[in-house]
């Protein structure tokens, strides 16, 4: 089975001014990469990185920490990263995320396999139940309709991180089973 090359969108859980590896450890991508240091990267030499999953490669994004880094460099690099991925995974909470919304639309227009883990927004009193309860419902619905995105509702950001990990573990175990089956020798 072919390896997944994943792009993992969503806002980073820290800002440049608050930058420490301790804060970086809470970001869901750190768990996938196995180390906070592996998530910090200069955009000048990006490429895929191994993850804790043998059949999954990580293409981005990376937290670009350099002073004076122009926005167009980050955007250009992330456009290329989305192009190179086979699967785009997003963790969406209820914050303002224009960059992530743009990445979702970009991945959808490229026909990437998209899985979105989103944090359910509580309904206001008297508000009718919706299919997608999120402040970011529109790009989620767009990705679902245009690219067949899988939408996975989560109660909290932590629950989303756990579901992402389980989703990757399930996929990884399916790869290992298929490999074991394809490498089996049957004697009759």
C-alpha atoms as a PDB file:
ATOM      1  CA  UNK A   1       0.000   0.000   0.000  1.00  0.00           C
ATOM      2  CA  UNK A   2       1.266   3.443  -0.913  1.00  0.00           C
ATOM      3  CA  UNK A   3       2.368   5.813   1.849  1.00  0.00           C
ATOM      4  CA  UNK A   4       0.217   8.792   2.756  1.00  0.00           C
ATOM      5  CA  UNK A   5       1.821  12.195   2.421  1.00  0.00           C
ATOM      6  CA  UNK A   6      -0.165  14.410   4.761  1.00  0.00           C
ATOM      7  CA  UNK A   7      -0.660  18.129   5.093  1.00  0.00           C
ATOM      8  CA  UNK A   8      -2.015  18.966   8.558  1.00  0.00           C
ATOM      9  CA  UNK A   9      -3.750  22.338   8.562  1.00  0.00           C
ATOM     10  CA  UNK A  10      -5.223  24.360  11.383  1.00  0.00           C
ATOM     11  CA  UNK A  11      -4.050  27.183  13.560  1.00  0.00           C
ATOM     12  CA  UNK A  12      -0.893  26.654  15.584  1.00  0.00           C
ATOM     13  CA  UNK A  13      -1.538  26.589  19.326  1.00  0.00           C
ATOM     14  CA  UNK A  14       0.953  29.350  20.048  1.00  0.00           C
ATOM     15  CA  UNK A  15       2.095  32.630  18.591  1.00  0.00           C
ATOM     16  CA  UNK A  16       5.603  33.803  17.652  1.00  0.00           C
ATOM     17  CA  UNK A  17       5.909  36.160  20.635  1.00  0.00           C
ATOM     18  CA  UNK A  18       4.999  33.296  22.992  1.00  0.00           C
ATOM     19  CA  UNK A  19       7.208  30.825  21.165  1.00  0.00           C
ATOM     20  CA  UNK A  20       8.688  28.107  23.364  1.00  0.00           C
ATOM     21  CA  UNK A  21       9.040  24.406  22.750  1.00  0.00           C
ATOM     22  CA  UNK A  22       6.808  23.823  25.796  1.00  0.00           C
ATOM     23  CA  UNK A  23       3.895  25.555  24.062  1.00  0.00           C
ATOM     24  CA  UNK A  24       4.723  23.828  20.784  1.00  0.00           C
ATOM     25  CA  UNK A  25       4.339  20.429  22.465  1.00  0.00           C
ATOM     26  CA  UNK A  26       0.563  20.930  22.678  1.00  0.00           C
ATOM     27  CA  UNK A  27       0.141  21.290  18.905  1.00  0.00           C
ATOM     28  CA  UNK A  28      -1.447  18.188  17.338  1.00  0.00           C
ATOM     29  CA  UNK A  29       1.227  18.006  14.634  1.00  0.00           C
ATOM     30  CA  UNK A  30       3.935  17.564  17.274  1.00  0.00           C
ATOM     31  CA  UNK A  31       2.381  14.227  18.226  1.00  0.00           C
ATOM     32  CA  UNK A  32       2.377  13.108  14.582  1.00  0.00           C
ATOM     33  CA  UNK A  33       6.018  14.095  14.093  1.00  0.00           C
ATOM     34  CA  UNK A  34       7.132  12.763  17.488  1.00  0.00           C
ATOM     35  CA  UNK A  35       8.966  15.948  18.512  1.00  0.00           C
ATOM     36  CA  UNK A  36       8.248  19.658  18.861  1.00  0.00           C
ATOM     37  CA  UNK A  37      11.601  20.519  17.286  1.00  0.00           C
ATOM     38  CA  UNK A  38      10.611  18.723  14.074  1.00  0.00           C
ATOM     39  CA  UNK A  39       7.665  21.097  13.612  1.00  0.00           C
ATOM     40  CA  UNK A  40       9.873  24.203  13.544  1.00  0.00           C
ATOM     41  CA  UNK A  41      11.487  24.548  10.165  1.00  0.00           C
ATOM     42  CA  UNK A  42      12.874  27.133   7.841  1.00  0.00           C
ATOM     43  CA  UNK A  43      10.836  27.341   4.642  1.00  0.00           C
ATOM     44  CA  UNK A  44      14.017  27.437   2.565  1.00  0.00           C
ATOM     45  CA  UNK A  45      14.559  23.687   2.667  1.00  0.00           C
ATOM     46  CA  UNK A  46      11.263  21.988   3.376  1.00  0.00           C
ATOM     47  CA  UNK A  47      10.544  18.438   2.367  1.00  0.00           C
ATOM     48  CA  UNK A  48       8.672  15.477   3.735  1.00  0.00           C
ATOM     49  CA  UNK A  49       9.497  14.181   7.196  1.00  0.00           C
ATOM     50  CA  UNK A  50       8.972  10.797   8.708  1.00  0.00           C
ATOM     51  CA  UNK A  51       6.293  10.543  11.359  1.00  0.00           C
ATOM     52  CA  UNK A  52       5.677   8.129  14.209  1.00  0.00           C
ATOM     53  CA  UNK A  53       3.656   6.145  11.649  1.00  0.00           C
ATOM     54  CA  UNK A  54       5.846   4.140   9.214  1.00  0.00           C
ATOM     55  CA  UNK A  55       3.473   4.628   6.245  1.00  0.00           C
ATOM     56  CA  UNK A  56       2.838   8.345   6.766  1.00  0.00           C
ATOM     57  CA  UNK A  57       5.057  11.195   5.613  1.00  0.00           C
ATOM     58  CA  UNK A  58       4.483  14.792   6.802  1.00  0.00           C
ATOM     59  CA  UNK A  59       4.798  17.533   4.192  1.00  0.00           C
ATOM     60  CA  UNK A  60       3.671  20.524   6.261  1.00  0.00           C
ATOM     61  CA  UNK A  61       2.932  23.063   7.405  1.00  0.00           C
ATOM     62  CA  UNK A  62       5.868  23.945   9.562  1.00  0.00           C
ATOM     63  CA  UNK A  63       6.045  26.765  12.057  1.00  0.00           C
ATOM     64  CA  UNK A  64       8.235  29.366  10.333  1.00  0.00           C
ATOM     65  CA  UNK A  65       9.949  31.214  13.141  1.00  0.00           C
ATOM     66  CA  UNK A  66      12.380  33.502  11.333  1.00  0.00           C
ATOM     67  CA  UNK A  67      12.355  37.250  11.912  1.00  0.00           C
ATOM     68  CA  UNK A  68      11.391  39.261   8.861  1.00  0.00           C
ATOM     69  CA  UNK A  69       9.901  36.324   6.982  1.00  0.00           C
ATOM     70  CA  UNK A  70       7.589  37.737   4.348  1.00  0.00           C
ATOM     71  CA  UNK A  71       4.024  36.434   4.207  1.00  0.00           C
ATOM     72  CA  UNK A  72       4.263  35.636   0.508  1.00  0.00           C
ATOM     73  CA  UNK A  73       7.108  33.183   1.249  1.00  0.00           C
ATOM     74  CA  UNK A  74       4.939  31.321   3.762  1.00  0.00           C
ATOM     75  CA  UNK A  75       1.934  31.311   1.419  1.00  0.00           C
ATOM     76  CA  UNK A  76       4.002  30.161  -1.562  1.00  0.00           C
ATOM     77  CA  UNK A  77       5.572  27.322   0.415  1.00  0.00           C
ATOM     78  CA  UNK A  78       2.257  26.179   1.836  1.00  0.00           C
ATOM     79  CA  UNK A  79       0.634  26.218  -1.628  1.00  0.00           C
ATOM     80  CA  UNK A  80       3.377  23.830  -2.778  1.00  0.00           C
ATOM     81  CA  UNK A  81       2.983  21.657   0.327  1.00  0.00           C
ATOM     82  CA  UNK A  82      -0.748  21.208  -0.316  1.00  0.00           C
ATOM     83  CA  UNK A  83       0.021  20.324  -3.954  1.00  0.00           C
ATOM     84  CA  UNK A  84       2.489  17.636  -2.826  1.00  0.00           C
ATOM     85  CA  UNK A  85       0.241  15.928  -0.264  1.00  0.00           C
ATOM     86  CA  UNK A  86      -1.967  12.924  -0.929  1.00  0.00           C
ATOM     87  CA  UNK A  87      -4.207  13.670   2.052  1.00  0.00           C
ATOM     88  CA  UNK A  88      -5.068  16.930   3.799  1.00  0.00           C
ATOM     89  CA  UNK A  89      -6.055  16.771   7.454  1.00  0.00           C
ATOM     90  CA  UNK A  90      -7.432  19.796   9.256  1.00  0.00           C
ATOM     91  CA  UNK A  91      -8.207  20.497  12.899  1.00  0.00           C
ATOM     92  CA  UNK A  92     -10.790  23.265  13.007  1.00  0.00           C
ATOM     93  CA  UNK A  93     -11.947  24.987  16.154  1.00  0.00           C
ATOM     94  CA  UNK A  94     -14.208  28.025  16.373  1.00  0.00           C
ATOM     95  CA  UNK A  95     -11.517  30.685  15.976  1.00  0.00           C
ATOM     96  CA  UNK A  96     -11.017  32.989  13.019  1.00  0.00           C
ATOM     97  CA  UNK A  97      -8.830  30.939  10.634  1.00  0.00           C
ATOM     98  CA  UNK A  98      -8.626  32.603   7.203  1.00  0.00           C
ATOM     99  CA  UNK A  99      -5.388  30.810   6.282  1.00  0.00           C
ATOM    100  CA  UNK A 100      -6.787  27.386   7.113  1.00  0.00           C
ATOM    101  CA  UNK A 101     -10.027  28.119   5.257  1.00  0.00           C
ATOM    102  CA  UNK A 102      -7.969  29.032   2.196  1.00  0.00           C
ATOM    103  CA  UNK A 103      -5.954  25.804   2.517  1.00  0.00           C
ATOM    104  CA  UNK A 104      -9.170  23.746   2.724  1.00  0.00           C
ATOM    105  CA  UNK A 105     -10.523  25.366  -0.444  1.00  0.00           C
ATOM    106  CA  UNK A 106      -7.141  24.916  -2.197  1.00  0.00           C
ATOM    107  CA  UNK A 107      -6.998  21.208  -1.260  1.00  0.00           C
ATOM    108  CA  UNK A 108     -10.619  20.755  -2.364  1.00  0.00           C
ATOM    109  CA  UNK A 109      -9.966  22.378  -5.729  1.00  0.00           C
ATOM    110  CA  UNK A 110      -6.929  20.097  -6.233  1.00  0.00           C
ATOM    111  CA  UNK A 111      -9.073  17.039  -5.491  1.00  0.00           C
ATOM    112  CA  UNK A 112      -7.052  15.980  -2.439  1.00  0.00           C
ATOM    113  CA  UNK A 113      -8.509  13.489   0.021  1.00  0.00           C
ATOM    114  CA  UNK A 114      -9.642  15.745   2.880  1.00  0.00           C
ATOM    115  CA  UNK A 115     -10.503  14.830   6.447  1.00  0.00           C
ATOM    116  CA  UNK A 116     -11.621  17.635   8.753  1.00  0.00           C
ATOM    117  CA  UNK A 117     -11.808  17.204  12.520  1.00  0.00           C
ATOM    118  CA  UNK A 118     -13.900  20.081  13.799  1.00  0.00           C
ATOM    119  CA  UNK A 119     -14.857  21.224  17.283  1.00  0.00           C
ATOM    120  CA  UNK A 120     -18.626  21.435  17.673  1.00  0.00           C
ATOM    121  CA  UNK A 121     -19.761  24.912  18.593  1.00  0.00           C
ATOM    122  CA  UNK A 122     -22.405  25.084  21.312  1.00  0.00           C
ATOM    123  CA  UNK A 123     -25.761  26.298  20.060  1.00  0.00           C
ATOM    124  CA  UNK A 124     -27.212  29.525  21.370  1.00  0.00           C
ATOM    125  CA  UNK A 125     -30.370  29.118  23.425  1.00  0.00           C
ATOM    126  CA  UNK A 126     -33.293  28.467  21.120  1.00  0.00           C
ATOM    127  CA  UNK A 127     -31.078  28.020  18.066  1.00  0.00           C
ATOM    128  CA  UNK A 128     -32.172  25.074  15.886  1.00  0.00           C
ATOM    129  CA  UNK A 129     -29.842  22.081  15.557  1.00  0.00           C
ATOM    130  CA  UNK A 130     -27.589  22.225  12.472  1.00  0.00           C
ATOM    131  CA  UNK A 131     -25.819  19.489  10.573  1.00  0.00           C
ATOM    132  CA  UNK A 132     -22.456  21.261  11.026  1.00  0.00           C
ATOM    133  CA  UNK A 133     -22.268  23.221  14.284  1.00  0.00           C
ATOM    134  CA  UNK A 134     -19.160  25.326  13.703  1.00  0.00           C
ATOM    135  CA  UNK A 135     -18.356  28.978  13.243  1.00  0.00           C
ATOM    136  CA  UNK A 136     -16.509  27.726  10.147  1.00  0.00           C
ATOM    137  CA  UNK A 137     -19.427  25.718   8.734  1.00  0.00           C
ATOM    138  CA  UNK A 138     -19.223  27.210   5.231  1.00  0.00           C
ATOM    139  CA  UNK A 139     -15.730  25.967   4.238  1.00  0.00           C
ATOM    140  CA  UNK A 140     -16.521  22.607   5.846  1.00  0.00           C
ATOM    141  CA  UNK A 141     -19.680  22.259   3.770  1.00  0.00           C
ATOM    142  CA  UNK A 142     -17.791  23.478   0.669  1.00  0.00           C
ATOM    143  CA  UNK A 143     -15.081  20.820   1.089  1.00  0.00           C
ATOM    144  CA  UNK A 144     -17.708  18.147   1.681  1.00  0.00           C
ATOM    145  CA  UNK A 145     -19.634  19.052  -1.480  1.00  0.00           C
ATOM    146  CA  UNK A 146     -16.708  19.793  -3.797  1.00  0.00           C
ATOM    147  CA  UNK A 147     -14.168  17.188  -2.677  1.00  0.00           C
ATOM    148  CA  UNK A 148     -16.181  14.677  -0.655  1.00  0.00           C
ATOM    149  CA  UNK A 149     -14.360  15.687   2.531  1.00  0.00           C
ATOM    150  CA  UNK A 150     -14.938  13.529   5.565  1.00  0.00           C
ATOM    151  CA  UNK A 151     -16.152  15.695   8.470  1.00  0.00           C
ATOM    152  CA  UNK A 152     -15.552  14.362  11.976  1.00  0.00           C
ATOM    153  CA  UNK A 153     -17.268  16.203  14.813  1.00  0.00           C
ATOM    154  CA  UNK A 154     -15.340  16.564  18.075  1.00  0.00           C
ATOM    155  CA  UNK A 155     -16.432  17.919  21.449  1.00  0.00           C
ATOM    156  CA  UNK A 156     -13.146  19.743  22.235  1.00  0.00           C
ATOM    157  CA  UNK A 157      -9.775  20.474  20.682  1.00  0.00           C
ATOM    158  CA  UNK A 158      -8.242  17.731  22.839  1.00  0.00           C
ATOM    159  CA  UNK A 159     -10.883  15.251  21.640  1.00  0.00           C
ATOM    160  CA  UNK A 160      -9.996  16.232  18.053  1.00  0.00           C
ATOM    161  CA  UNK A 161      -6.305  15.503  18.701  1.00  0.00           C
ATOM    162  CA  UNK A 162      -7.189  12.082  20.090  1.00  0.00           C
ATOM    163  CA  UNK A 163      -9.448  11.306  17.116  1.00  0.00           C
ATOM    164  CA  UNK A 164      -6.729  12.357  14.658  1.00  0.00           C
ATOM    165  CA  UNK A 165      -4.266  10.028  16.379  1.00  0.00           C
ATOM    166  CA  UNK A 166      -6.773   7.133  16.317  1.00  0.00           C
ATOM    167  CA  UNK A 167      -7.588   7.845  12.658  1.00  0.00           C
ATOM    168  CA  UNK A 168      -3.900   7.630  11.713  1.00  0.00           C
ATOM    169  CA  UNK A 169      -3.411   4.512  13.867  1.00  0.00           C
ATOM    170  CA  UNK A 170      -6.352   2.819  12.140  1.00  0.00           C
ATOM    171  CA  UNK A 171      -4.994   3.672   8.705  1.00  0.00           C
ATOM    172  CA  UNK A 172      -1.515   2.499   9.716  1.00  0.00           C
ATOM    173  CA  UNK A 173      -2.845  -0.838  11.012  1.00  0.00           C
ATOM    174  CA  UNK A 174      -4.720  -1.352   7.722  1.00  0.00           C
ATOM    175  CA  UNK A 175      -1.444  -0.798   5.836  1.00  0.00           C
ATOM    176  CA  UNK A 176       0.378  -3.294   8.010  1.00  0.00           C
ATOM    177  CA  UNK A 177      -2.358  -5.898   7.555  1.00  0.00           C
ATOM    178  CA  UNK A 178      -2.281  -5.479   3.773  1.00  0.00           C
ATOM    179  CA  UNK A 179       1.519  -5.717   3.775  1.00  0.00           C
ATOM    180  CA  UNK A 180       1.448  -8.877   5.876  1.00  0.00           C
ATOM    181  CA  UNK A 181      -1.187 -10.399   3.601  1.00  0.00           C
ATOM    182  CA  UNK A 182       0.700  -9.480   0.409  1.00  0.00           C
ATOM    183  CA  UNK A 183       3.952 -10.909   1.824  1.00  0.00           C
ATOM    184  CA  UNK A 184       2.343 -14.177   2.924  1.00  0.00           C
ATOM    185  CA  UNK A 185       3.304 -17.447   1.285  1.00  0.00           C
ATOM    186  CA  UNK A 186       0.641 -20.105   1.104  1.00  0.00           C
ATOM    187  CA  UNK A 187       1.551 -23.759   0.811  1.00  0.00           C
ATOM    188  CA  UNK A 188      -1.105 -26.125  -0.486  1.00  0.00           C
END
